[in-house]
Amino acid sequence: MLRPRVIVCLDVKDGRVVKGVRFQGLRDVGDPVELAARYEADGADEIVFLDVSASREARGTLLDVVRRTAETLFVPLTVGGGVRSAEDIGPLLRAGADKISVNSAAVRDPELITKGAARFGSQCIVASIDAARNGPGWRCYTHGATRPTELDAVSWAAECRERGAGEILLTSIDRDGARTGYALDLTRAVADAVPVPVIASGGAGGAQHLRDAFVEGHASATLVAGILHDGLTTVRDLKSALGKWGVPVRTDGDTRTREDDLTAANADTGNDQGVIR
């Protein structure tokens, strides 16, 4: 099993990292290549690169930015945004991505997950779900959280797993950028419904929120962005606090290789296929 992971998210628009609140009011916070290198050096277990405007603009992911970001990294890189078909996955892997996140196109055509997992392996396919509270449940949204669907987040996560997704990236639209903590009820509901890792996203305001996501939300990983971009804390400080609370995160003393990370991910997904370049 993977240790609890602290993952840094880079939301990218027009080649620059941006951050907003509830997917609105995006502001420029830096260059993705520089930030990826900085966060890796500070102890990030993985980097997630999301082209947040690709789906709304009906275009593919910015391959050159992905390639330059991947070239700086030793830790795994997940890339999402603008993946419209299974044919789009190969070029992203060849550009240096280790995993591919799919959302809007997968909702439109769930066979994208099935075909992607069959061709490249479940360890490559991350089902990204943006969800907001809807009565007693949570409704899925697409196109950068701008288009509501009729899908229930928990049921859709279970279907994504059945189709071959090896991981679920679960973002609470209600909590995104608010720094009030992850949506623990949503995270726990999805984590308890699927046998693959669930990444909690949306709402991190400090180390206590990460601990709560791991302990109470049953998350396998937490996604962090704004509090790092704004210099309120560091990955190293977050991990230090988690370690003091008994959460077994990786520390500077641990040794690993990129292959170790991906092999562990394969074990978690029950998939023995390697990453195809």
Protein backbone atom coordinates (compact mmCIF):
# COMPACT_ATOMS: atom_id res chain seq x y z
CA MET A 1 0.00 0.00 0.00
CA LEU A 2 1.08 3.56 -0.66
CA ARG A 3 1.76 5.71 2.35
CA PRO A 4 -0.56 8.70 2.76
CA ARG A 5 0.52 11.15 0.08
CA VAL A 6 0.71 14.92 0.01
CA ILE A 7 0.18 15.97 -3.59
CA VAL A 8 0.61 19.49 -4.94
CA CYS A 9 -1.82 20.71 -7.60
CA LEU A 10 -0.87 23.14 -10.34
CA ASP A 11 -3.97 24.56 -12.03
CA VAL A 12 -2.68 25.90 -15.34
CA LYS A 13 -4.31 28.42 -17.67
CA ASP A 14 -2.53 29.88 -20.70
CA GLY A 15 0.70 28.28 -19.55
CA ARG A 16 0.65 29.86 -16.06
CA VAL A 17 -0.36 28.47 -12.67
CA VAL A 18 -3.56 30.07 -11.39
CA LYS A 19 -5.70 29.78 -8.27
CA GLY A 20 -9.18 30.95 -7.37
CA VAL A 21 -12.08 30.21 -5.04
CA ARG A 22 -14.73 27.70 -6.10
CA PHE A 23 -13.18 27.69 -9.57
CA GLN A 24 -13.78 31.45 -9.98
CA GLY A 25 -11.63 34.60 -9.80
CA LEU A 26 -8.47 32.94 -11.06
CA ARG A 27 -5.24 34.82 -10.34
CA ASP A 28 -1.71 34.21 -11.59
CA VAL A 29 0.63 32.59 -9.06
CA GLY A 30 3.64 31.55 -11.14
CA ASP A 31 5.38 29.41 -13.73
CA PRO A 32 4.44 25.69 -13.63
CA VAL A 33 7.96 24.43 -14.31
CA GLU A 34 9.50 26.50 -11.52
CA LEU A 35 6.74 25.70 -9.04
CA ALA A 36 6.82 21.96 -9.78
CA ALA A 37 10.57 21.85 -9.12
CA ARG A 38 10.19 23.88 -5.92
CA TYR A 39 7.43 21.71 -4.50
CA GLU A 40 9.23 18.49 -5.34
CA ALA A 41 12.35 19.77 -3.56
CA ASP A 42 10.17 20.60 -0.55
CA GLY A 43 8.89 17.02 -0.29
CA ALA A 44 5.78 16.72 -2.48
CA ASP A 45 5.00 13.06 -3.17
CA GLU A 46 3.44 13.84 -6.54
CA ILE A 47 2.50 16.76 -8.75
CA VAL A 48 -0.87 17.15 -10.47
CA PHE A 49 -0.99 19.42 -13.52
CA LEU A 50 -4.53 20.43 -14.52
CA ASP A 51 -5.14 22.52 -17.64
CA VAL A 52 -8.25 24.17 -16.21
CA SER A 53 -9.46 25.89 -19.38
CA ALA A 54 -8.83 23.17 -21.97
CA SER A 55 -12.28 21.57 -21.80
CA ARG A 56 -14.13 24.87 -21.86
CA GLU A 57 -12.02 26.01 -24.82
CA ALA A 58 -12.46 22.65 -26.60
CA ARG A 59 -8.73 22.09 -27.10
CA GLY A 60 -6.07 19.63 -26.06
CA THR A 61 -3.67 19.93 -23.13
CA LEU A 62 -0.63 22.17 -23.55
CA LEU A 63 1.90 19.44 -24.39
CA ASP A 64 4.94 21.71 -24.36
CA VAL A 65 4.22 22.89 -20.82
CA VAL A 66 3.64 19.28 -19.74
CA ARG A 67 6.94 18.22 -21.31
CA ARG A 68 8.93 21.01 -19.67
CA THR A 69 7.31 20.32 -16.30
CA ALA A 70 7.93 16.56 -16.51
CA GLU A 71 11.59 17.10 -17.39
CA THR A 72 12.18 18.79 -14.02
CA LEU A 73 10.54 16.08 -11.91
CA PHE A 74 11.56 12.87 -10.21
CA VAL A 75 8.21 12.27 -8.49
CA PRO A 76 5.15 11.08 -10.47
CA LEU A 77 3.25 13.62 -12.57
CA THR A 78 -0.48 13.42 -13.23
CA VAL A 79 -1.85 15.52 -16.10
CA GLY A 80 -5.48 16.42 -16.78
CA GLY A 81 -7.58 18.80 -18.82
CA GLY A 82 -8.36 18.56 -22.50
CA VAL A 83 -8.28 14.77 -22.75
CA ARG A 84 -11.11 14.15 -25.22
CA SER A 85 -10.49 10.52 -26.23
CA ALA A 86 -8.27 7.55 -25.48
CA GLU A 87 -6.08 8.67 -28.38
CA ASP A 88 -5.13 11.79 -26.41
CA ILE A 89 -3.58 9.73 -23.61
CA GLY A 90 -0.54 8.43 -25.51
CA PRO A 91 0.91 11.84 -26.42
CA LEU A 92 0.64 12.98 -22.80
CA LEU A 93 2.44 9.90 -21.56
CA ARG A 94 5.13 10.40 -24.16
CA ALA A 95 5.43 14.03 -23.03
CA GLY A 96 6.35 12.77 -19.57
CA ALA A 97 3.11 12.26 -17.65
CA ASP A 98 2.84 9.15 -15.48
CA LYS A 99 -0.92 9.30 -14.99
CA ILE A 100 -3.76 10.94 -16.89
CA SER A 101 -6.75 12.58 -15.22
CA VAL A 102 -10.07 12.55 -17.09
CA ASN A 103 -13.31 14.34 -16.22
CA SER A 104 -15.58 16.06 -18.75
CA ALA A 105 -14.87 13.73 -21.67
CA ALA A 106 -15.30 10.66 -19.47
CA VAL A 107 -18.74 11.87 -18.38
CA ARG A 108 -19.67 12.40 -22.02
CA ASP A 109 -18.25 9.01 -23.05
CA PRO A 110 -17.48 6.62 -20.18
CA GLU A 111 -15.83 4.27 -22.67
CA LEU A 112 -12.87 6.66 -22.53
CA ILE A 113 -12.00 5.19 -19.13
CA THR A 114 -12.58 1.62 -20.29
CA LYS A 115 -10.45 2.02 -23.42
CA GLY A 116 -7.75 4.01 -21.63
CA ALA A 117 -7.38 1.42 -18.87
CA ALA A 118 -7.33 -1.46 -21.35
CA ARG A 119 -4.68 0.16 -23.51
CA PHE A 120 -2.42 1.87 -20.97
CA GLY A 121 -3.23 0.19 -17.64
CA SER A 122 -5.44 1.21 -14.74
CA GLN A 123 -2.48 2.79 -12.97
CA CYS A 124 -2.46 5.45 -15.70
CA ILE A 125 -6.12 6.43 -15.42
CA VAL A 126 -7.31 8.87 -12.75
CA ALA A 127 -11.01 9.66 -12.70
CA SER A 128 -11.36 13.33 -11.73
CA ILE A 129 -14.70 14.18 -10.12
CA ASP A 130 -15.82 17.73 -9.30
CA ALA A 131 -18.83 17.54 -6.99
CA ALA A 132 -21.12 19.88 -5.08
CA ARG A 133 -23.68 19.18 -2.39
CA ASN A 134 -27.10 18.34 -3.85
CA GLY A 135 -29.62 17.54 -1.13
CA PRO A 136 -28.51 14.38 0.68
CA GLY A 137 -25.90 13.60 -2.00
CA TRP A 138 -23.41 15.27 -4.32
CA ARG A 139 -23.86 16.22 -7.96
CA CYS A 140 -21.01 15.94 -10.48
CA TYR A 141 -20.04 18.93 -12.61
CA THR A 142 -17.91 19.14 -15.75
CA HIS A 143 -16.07 21.78 -17.82
CA GLY A 144 -14.25 23.34 -14.89
CA ALA A 145 -17.24 23.00 -12.54
CA THR A 146 -19.45 25.09 -14.83
CA ARG A 147 -21.86 22.43 -16.12
CA PRO A 148 -24.04 20.36 -13.77
CA THR A 149 -24.79 16.76 -14.66
CA GLU A 150 -27.33 14.24 -13.40
CA LEU A 151 -24.59 12.02 -12.01
CA ASP A 152 -24.27 11.28 -8.30
CA ALA A 153 -20.62 11.53 -7.23
CA VAL A 154 -20.51 8.28 -5.25
CA SER A 155 -22.24 6.23 -7.94
CA TRP A 156 -20.10 7.76 -10.68
CA ALA A 157 -16.92 7.02 -8.75
CA ALA A 158 -17.97 3.39 -8.42
CA GLU A 159 -18.66 3.18 -12.15
CA CYS A 160 -15.30 4.78 -12.97
CA ARG A 161 -13.58 2.11 -10.89
CA GLU A 162 -15.59 -0.66 -12.54
CA ARG A 163 -14.48 0.68 -15.93
CA GLY A 164 -10.83 0.54 -14.89
CA ALA A 165 -9.87 3.83 -13.22
CA GLY A 166 -7.01 3.22 -10.81
CA GLU A 167 -7.53 6.33 -8.70
CA ILE A 168 -10.21 8.92 -7.93
CA LEU A 169 -9.35 12.63 -7.71
CA LEU A 170 -12.29 14.05 -5.77
CA THR A 171 -12.76 17.81 -5.58
CA SER A 172 -15.40 19.51 -3.47
CA ILE A 173 -16.60 22.54 -5.43
CA ASP A 174 -18.19 23.91 -2.25
CA ARG A 175 -14.83 23.88 -0.43
CA ASP A 176 -12.45 24.72 -3.29
CA GLY A 177 -10.14 27.57 -2.26
CA ALA A 178 -12.15 28.27 0.90
CA ARG A 179 -9.48 26.85 3.27
CA THR A 180 -12.14 25.58 5.67
CA GLY A 181 -11.17 21.91 5.39
CA TYR A 182 -11.97 19.11 2.97
CA ALA A 183 -15.53 17.86 2.55
CA LEU A 184 -15.01 14.87 4.83
CA ASP A 185 -18.46 13.38 4.37
CA LEU A 186 -18.07 13.41 0.59
CA THR A 187 -14.52 12.06 0.72
CA ARG A 188 -15.45 9.29 3.15
CA ALA A 189 -18.52 8.28 1.14
CA VAL A 190 -16.47 7.86 -2.03
CA ALA A 191 -13.46 6.28 -0.31
CA ASP A 192 -15.69 3.70 1.34
CA ALA A 193 -17.42 2.93 -1.98
CA VAL A 194 -14.34 2.17 -4.10
CA PRO A 195 -11.32 -0.12 -3.52
CA VAL A 196 -8.82 2.27 -5.11
CA PRO A 197 -7.04 5.35 -3.71
CA VAL A 198 -9.12 8.51 -3.32
CA ILE A 199 -7.39 11.90 -3.40
CA ALA A 200 -9.18 14.55 -1.32
CA SER A 201 -9.18 17.96 -2.99
CA GLY A 202 -10.69 21.35 -2.21
CA GLY A 203 -10.50 23.17 1.11
CA ALA A 204 -7.06 22.65 2.62
CA GLY A 205 -6.25 25.44 5.06
CA GLY A 206 -3.62 23.77 7.22
CA ALA A 207 -2.08 20.52 8.41
CA GLN A 208 -5.07 19.66 10.61
CA HIS A 209 -7.28 19.53 7.53
CA LEU A 210 -4.93 17.04 5.87
CA ARG A 211 -4.94 14.90 9.00
CA ASP A 212 -8.74 14.96 9.08
CA ALA A 213 -8.90 13.88 5.43
CA PHE A 214 -6.64 10.90 6.12
CA VAL A 215 -8.16 9.86 9.44
CA GLU A 216 -11.83 10.85 9.16
CA GLY A 217 -12.24 11.08 5.40
CA HIS A 218 -10.41 7.80 4.69
CA ALA A 219 -8.46 9.49 1.89
CA SER A 220 -5.29 7.93 0.52
CA ALA A 221 -3.89 11.31 -0.51
CA THR A 222 -4.57 15.00 -0.13
CA LEU A 223 -4.27 17.67 -2.80
CA VAL A 224 -2.86 21.04 -1.72
CA ALA A 225 -2.51 24.25 -3.71
CA GLY A 226 -3.44 27.73 -2.50
CA ILE A 227 -1.86 27.65 0.95
CA LEU A 228 1.44 26.69 -0.67
CA HIS A 229 1.20 29.19 -3.53
CA ASP A 230 0.53 31.99 -1.05
CA GLY A 231 3.43 30.99 1.21
CA LEU A 232 1.24 30.21 4.23
CA THR A 233 3.00 26.89 4.79
CA THR A 234 5.27 24.39 3.05
CA VAL A 235 5.00 20.73 2.15
CA ARG A 236 7.79 20.04 4.61
CA ASP A 237 5.91 21.74 7.46
CA LEU A 238 2.67 19.95 6.59
CA LYS A 239 4.42 16.58 6.64
CA SER A 240 6.19 17.40 9.88
CA ALA A 241 2.88 18.10 11.58
CA LEU A 242 1.29 14.97 10.11
CA GLY A 243 4.17 12.87 11.36
CA LYS A 244 3.76 14.21 14.89
CA TRP A 245 0.10 13.14 14.74
CA GLY A 246 1.14 9.64 13.73
CA VAL A 247 0.21 9.85 10.04
CA PRO A 248 2.94 7.77 8.31
CA VAL A 249 3.86 10.17 5.49
CA ARG A 250 7.19 9.98 3.69
CA THR A 251 9.93 12.15 5.12
CA ASP A 252 13.35 13.30 3.95
CA GLY A 253 14.95 10.20 5.44
CA ASP A 254 12.95 7.83 3.24
CA THR A 255 14.57 6.52 0.07
CA ARG A 256 12.60 5.65 -3.04
CA THR A 257 12.72 5.77 -6.79
CA ARG A 258 10.17 6.89 -9.33
CA GLU A 259 9.72 3.21 -10.22
CA ASP A 260 8.96 2.40 -6.56
CA ASP A 261 6.13 4.96 -6.57
CA LEU A 262 4.61 3.59 -9.75
CA THR A 263 5.00 -0.05 -8.67
CA ALA A 264 3.19 0.75 -5.43
CA ALA A 265 0.47 2.50 -7.39
CA ASN A 266 0.08 -0.57 -9.58
CA ALA A 267 -0.32 -2.72 -6.49
CA ASP A 268 -3.03 -0.43 -5.15
CA THR A 269 -4.98 -0.65 -8.43
CA GLY A 270 -4.47 -4.36 -8.89
CA ASN A 271 -2.86 -3.67 -12.24
CA ASP A 272 0.41 -5.19 -13.37
CA GLN A 273 0.83 -3.22 -16.56
CA GLY A 274 3.65 -0.71 -16.79
CA VAL A 275 3.44 2.87 -17.92
CA ILE A 276 3.55 2.99 -21.70
CA ARG A 277 5.71 5.66 -23.23
